Amino acid sequence: REKLARGDDARAWVRGLMNGMADLQPDLEKGTLTVWLHPQTCQAHETVLEHVCEELTATETEFPETSLRMVFKPLAPSKTRSTQIPPGQDV
């Protein structure tokens, strides 16, 4: 709600995010699980996505039943998945 003016907009945005796609990239050496969230429908929502990723990552949440710390990142709309995730690490 910090980045969207209306409460209804925030609820709709979260609903869209939960129904959207994400790619998971485990890195056992670093002890992380990167969650690549797919782009939103407009640039204003991309700014919200970046903010939410920063906030979620700051919680240092571990993926259930693992010791992998979750790192949230937006997948840039102008890039394909293969250019952002190192070869051999896509799942």
N, C-alpha and C. Protein backbone atom coordinates (compact mmCIF):
# COMPACT_ATOMS: atom_id res chain seq x y z
N ARG A 1 0.81 -1.21 0.00
CA ARG A 1 0.00 0.00 0.00
C ARG A 1 0.85 1.26 0.00
N GLU A 2 2.13 1.11 0.32
CA GLU A 2 3.00 2.28 0.32
C GLU A 2 3.18 2.86 -1.08
N LYS A 3 3.06 2.02 -2.10
CA LYS A 3 3.34 2.47 -3.47
C LYS A 3 2.09 2.59 -4.34
N LEU A 4 0.94 2.11 -3.86
CA LEU A 4 -0.32 2.25 -4.60
C LEU A 4 -1.26 3.11 -3.78
N ALA A 5 -1.88 4.08 -4.42
CA ALA A 5 -2.68 5.07 -3.70
C ALA A 5 -3.96 4.49 -3.10
N ARG A 6 -4.63 3.61 -3.81
CA ARG A 6 -5.92 3.11 -3.34
C ARG A 6 -5.79 1.67 -2.84
N GLY A 7 -6.51 1.39 -1.75
CA GLY A 7 -6.50 0.05 -1.17
C GLY A 7 -6.98 -1.01 -2.14
N ASP A 8 -8.01 -0.67 -2.93
CA ASP A 8 -8.52 -1.63 -3.92
C ASP A 8 -7.46 -1.97 -4.96
N ASP A 9 -6.67 -0.98 -5.34
CA ASP A 9 -5.59 -1.22 -6.30
C ASP A 9 -4.56 -2.17 -5.71
N ALA A 10 -4.24 -1.98 -4.45
CA ALA A 10 -3.25 -2.83 -3.79
C ALA A 10 -3.74 -4.27 -3.70
N ARG A 11 -4.99 -4.45 -3.34
CA ARG A 11 -5.54 -5.82 -3.25
C ARG A 11 -5.55 -6.49 -4.62
N ALA A 12 -5.95 -5.76 -5.64
CA ALA A 12 -5.98 -6.32 -7.00
C ALA A 12 -4.57 -6.65 -7.47
N TRP A 13 -3.61 -5.80 -7.13
CA TRP A 13 -2.23 -6.05 -7.53
C TRP A 13 -1.69 -7.32 -6.87
N VAL A 14 -1.93 -7.48 -5.58
CA VAL A 14 -1.47 -8.68 -4.86
C VAL A 14 -2.15 -9.92 -5.43
N ARG A 15 -3.43 -9.83 -5.73
CA ARG A 15 -4.15 -10.96 -6.31
C ARG A 15 -3.51 -11.35 -7.65
N GLY A 16 -3.18 -10.36 -8.47
CA GLY A 16 -2.52 -10.63 -9.75
C GLY A 16 -1.15 -11.26 -9.57
N LEU A 17 -0.41 -10.80 -8.57
CA LEU A 17 0.92 -11.35 -8.29
C LEU A 17 0.80 -12.81 -7.86
N MET A 18 -0.17 -13.12 -7.01
CA MET A 18 -0.34 -14.49 -6.51
C MET A 18 -0.78 -15.44 -7.62
N ASN A 19 -1.48 -14.92 -8.61
CA ASN A 19 -1.92 -15.75 -9.74
C ASN A 19 -0.90 -15.77 -10.87
N GLY A 20 0.14 -14.96 -10.75
CA GLY A 20 1.14 -14.87 -11.79
C GLY A 20 2.17 -15.97 -11.72
N MET A 21 3.16 -15.86 -12.58
CA MET A 21 4.20 -16.88 -12.66
C MET A 21 5.46 -16.43 -11.93
N ALA A 22 6.22 -17.42 -11.49
CA ALA A 22 7.52 -17.17 -10.86
C ALA A 22 8.46 -18.31 -11.23
N ASP A 23 9.72 -18.02 -11.36
CA ASP A 23 10.74 -19.03 -11.58
C ASP A 23 11.56 -19.14 -10.31
N LEU A 24 11.94 -20.36 -9.95
CA LEU A 24 12.74 -20.60 -8.75
C LEU A 24 14.15 -21.00 -9.15
N GLN A 25 15.13 -20.41 -8.48
CA GLN A 25 16.54 -20.68 -8.76
C GLN A 25 17.28 -20.95 -7.44
N PRO A 26 17.45 -22.23 -7.09
CA PRO A 26 18.20 -22.52 -5.86
C PRO A 26 19.70 -22.35 -6.08
N ASP A 27 20.38 -21.87 -5.07
CA ASP A 27 21.84 -21.79 -5.07
C ASP A 27 22.31 -22.35 -3.74
N LEU A 28 22.68 -23.64 -3.76
CA LEU A 28 23.04 -24.33 -2.53
C LEU A 28 24.33 -23.77 -1.92
N GLU A 29 25.25 -23.30 -2.76
CA GLU A 29 26.51 -22.73 -2.25
C GLU A 29 26.26 -21.46 -1.44
N LYS A 30 25.36 -20.63 -1.94
CA LYS A 30 25.05 -19.37 -1.24
C LYS A 30 23.95 -19.56 -0.20
N GLY A 31 23.24 -20.69 -0.26
CA GLY A 31 22.16 -20.94 0.68
C GLY A 31 20.94 -20.09 0.40
N THR A 32 20.67 -19.85 -0.90
CA THR A 32 19.54 -19.00 -1.26
C THR A 32 18.62 -19.71 -2.26
N LEU A 33 17.40 -19.24 -2.28
CA LEU A 33 16.42 -19.63 -3.30
C LEU A 33 15.90 -18.33 -3.89
N THR A 34 16.32 -18.02 -5.11
CA THR A 34 15.86 -16.80 -5.76
C THR A 34 14.52 -17.06 -6.41
N VAL A 35 13.57 -16.18 -6.11
CA VAL A 35 12.23 -16.25 -6.68
C VAL A 35 12.14 -15.11 -7.70
N TRP A 36 12.17 -15.46 -8.98
CA TRP A 36 12.09 -14.48 -10.06
C TRP A 36 10.62 -14.27 -10.38
N LEU A 37 10.10 -13.08 -10.07
CA LEU A 37 8.69 -12.77 -10.31
C LEU A 37 8.54 -12.14 -11.69
N HIS A 38 7.57 -12.62 -12.44
CA HIS A 38 7.37 -12.15 -13.81
C HIS A 38 6.79 -10.75 -13.84
N PRO A 39 7.06 -10.03 -14.94
CA PRO A 39 6.64 -8.62 -15.06
C PRO A 39 5.14 -8.42 -14.91
N GLN A 40 4.80 -7.23 -14.48
CA GLN A 40 3.41 -6.83 -14.33
C GLN A 40 2.96 -6.13 -15.61
N THR A 41 1.71 -5.68 -15.61
CA THR A 41 1.10 -5.16 -16.84
C THR A 41 1.49 -3.73 -17.21
N CYS A 42 1.94 -2.94 -16.25
CA CYS A 42 2.30 -1.55 -16.60
C CYS A 42 3.51 -1.11 -15.77
N GLN A 43 4.15 -0.03 -16.20
CA GLN A 43 5.37 0.44 -15.55
C GLN A 43 5.14 0.82 -14.08
N ALA A 44 4.00 1.39 -13.76
CA ALA A 44 3.72 1.74 -12.36
C ALA A 44 3.73 0.49 -11.49
N HIS A 45 3.24 -0.60 -12.02
CA HIS A 45 3.22 -1.85 -11.26
C HIS A 45 4.62 -2.45 -11.16
N GLU A 46 5.48 -2.19 -12.12
CA GLU A 46 6.86 -2.65 -12.05
C GLU A 46 7.57 -2.00 -10.86
N THR A 47 7.30 -0.73 -10.62
CA THR A 47 7.89 -0.03 -9.48
C THR A 47 7.41 -0.67 -8.18
N VAL A 48 6.14 -1.01 -8.12
CA VAL A 48 5.58 -1.68 -6.94
C VAL A 48 6.25 -3.04 -6.77
N LEU A 49 6.42 -3.79 -7.86
CA LEU A 49 7.05 -5.10 -7.80
C LEU A 49 8.47 -5.01 -7.25
N GLU A 50 9.23 -4.04 -7.69
CA GLU A 50 10.60 -3.86 -7.18
C GLU A 50 10.58 -3.59 -5.68
N HIS A 51 9.66 -2.74 -5.24
CA HIS A 51 9.54 -2.42 -3.82
C HIS A 51 9.17 -3.66 -3.00
N VAL A 52 8.19 -4.41 -3.48
CA VAL A 52 7.74 -5.61 -2.76
C VAL A 52 8.88 -6.64 -2.70
N CYS A 53 9.63 -6.78 -3.78
CA CYS A 53 10.76 -7.72 -3.77
C CYS A 53 11.78 -7.32 -2.71
N GLU A 54 12.09 -6.05 -2.61
CA GLU A 54 13.03 -5.57 -1.59
C GLU A 54 12.50 -5.86 -0.18
N GLU A 55 11.22 -5.58 0.04
CA GLU A 55 10.62 -5.80 1.36
C GLU A 55 10.59 -7.28 1.72
N LEU A 56 10.21 -8.13 0.79
CA LEU A 56 10.15 -9.57 1.06
C LEU A 56 11.53 -10.14 1.31
N THR A 57 12.52 -9.74 0.53
CA THR A 57 13.89 -10.22 0.72
C THR A 57 14.41 -9.80 2.08
N ALA A 58 14.07 -8.61 2.53
CA ALA A 58 14.54 -8.09 3.82
C ALA A 58 14.04 -8.93 5.00
N THR A 59 12.98 -9.70 4.81
CA THR A 59 12.46 -10.54 5.90
C THR A 59 13.37 -11.74 6.18
N GLU A 60 14.26 -12.06 5.25
CA GLU A 60 15.19 -13.19 5.36
C GLU A 60 14.45 -14.50 5.68
N THR A 61 13.33 -14.70 5.00
CA THR A 61 12.52 -15.90 5.19
C THR A 61 13.20 -17.11 4.57
N GLU A 62 13.15 -18.23 5.30
CA GLU A 62 13.68 -19.48 4.77
C GLU A 62 12.56 -20.28 4.14
N PHE A 63 12.88 -20.90 3.00
CA PHE A 63 11.91 -21.75 2.33
C PHE A 63 11.62 -22.94 3.25
N PRO A 64 10.34 -23.31 3.41
CA PRO A 64 9.98 -24.38 4.35
C PRO A 64 10.76 -25.67 4.13
N GLU A 65 11.16 -26.26 5.23
CA GLU A 65 11.88 -27.54 5.28
C GLU A 65 13.24 -27.50 4.58
N THR A 66 13.81 -26.31 4.44
CA THR A 66 15.16 -26.16 3.89
C THR A 66 15.87 -25.09 4.72
N SER A 67 17.13 -24.88 4.41
CA SER A 67 17.85 -23.76 5.03
C SER A 67 18.11 -22.67 4.00
N LEU A 68 17.34 -22.69 2.90
CA LEU A 68 17.54 -21.70 1.83
C LEU A 68 16.79 -20.42 2.13
N ARG A 69 17.54 -19.32 2.17
CA ARG A 69 16.94 -17.99 2.38
C ARG A 69 16.37 -17.51 1.06
N MET A 70 15.12 -17.04 1.10
CA MET A 70 14.44 -16.61 -0.12
C MET A 70 14.85 -15.20 -0.50
N VAL A 71 15.19 -15.03 -1.78
CA VAL A 71 15.57 -13.74 -2.36
C VAL A 71 14.59 -13.48 -3.50
N PHE A 72 13.88 -12.38 -3.43
CA PHE A 72 12.87 -12.06 -4.44
C PHE A 72 13.43 -11.02 -5.40
N LYS A 73 13.26 -11.30 -6.71
CA LYS A 73 13.73 -10.37 -7.74
C LYS A 73 12.71 -10.29 -8.86
N PRO A 74 12.52 -9.08 -9.41
CA PRO A 74 11.64 -8.97 -10.58
C PRO A 74 12.39 -9.43 -11.82
N LEU A 75 11.72 -10.16 -12.66
CA LEU A 75 12.28 -10.56 -13.95
C LEU A 75 12.02 -9.40 -14.89
N ALA A 76 13.07 -8.78 -15.39
CA ALA A 76 12.93 -7.58 -16.22
C ALA A 76 12.12 -7.89 -17.47
N PRO A 77 11.13 -7.05 -17.79
CA PRO A 77 10.28 -7.31 -18.95
C PRO A 77 11.04 -7.29 -20.26
N SER A 78 12.15 -6.56 -20.33
CA SER A 78 12.90 -6.46 -21.58
C SER A 78 13.89 -7.59 -21.76
N LYS A 79 14.03 -8.45 -20.75
CA LYS A 79 14.99 -9.54 -20.84
C LYS A 79 14.26 -10.87 -20.79
N THR A 80 14.86 -11.83 -21.42
CA THR A 80 14.27 -13.16 -21.34
C THR A 80 14.85 -13.86 -20.13
N ARG A 81 14.17 -14.88 -19.70
CA ARG A 81 14.60 -15.65 -18.54
C ARG A 81 16.02 -16.16 -18.72
N SER A 82 16.34 -16.59 -19.91
CA SER A 82 17.67 -17.20 -20.14
C SER A 82 18.80 -16.20 -20.04
N THR A 83 18.54 -14.90 -20.19
CA THR A 83 19.63 -13.94 -20.10
C THR A 83 19.85 -13.48 -18.66
N GLN A 84 18.90 -13.73 -17.76
CA GLN A 84 19.06 -13.29 -16.38
C GLN A 84 19.50 -14.40 -15.44
N ILE A 85 19.20 -15.64 -15.79
CA ILE A 85 19.56 -16.76 -14.93
C ILE A 85 20.76 -17.47 -15.55
N PRO A 86 21.81 -17.64 -14.78
CA PRO A 86 23.02 -18.27 -15.31
C PRO A 86 22.75 -19.66 -15.86
N PRO A 87 23.45 -20.04 -16.94
CA PRO A 87 23.26 -21.35 -17.54
C PRO A 87 23.47 -22.47 -16.52
N GLY A 88 22.65 -23.50 -16.63
CA GLY A 88 22.77 -24.64 -15.75
C GLY A 88 22.10 -24.45 -14.41
N GLN A 89 21.57 -23.25 -14.14
CA GLN A 89 20.93 -23.00 -12.85
C GLN A 89 19.44 -22.80 -12.97
N ASP A 90 18.90 -22.88 -14.18
CA ASP A 90 17.45 -22.74 -14.29
C ASP A 90 16.81 -24.06 -13.92
N VAL A 91 15.61 -23.96 -13.38
CA VAL A 91 14.91 -25.14 -12.86
C VAL A 91 13.70 -25.42 -13.73
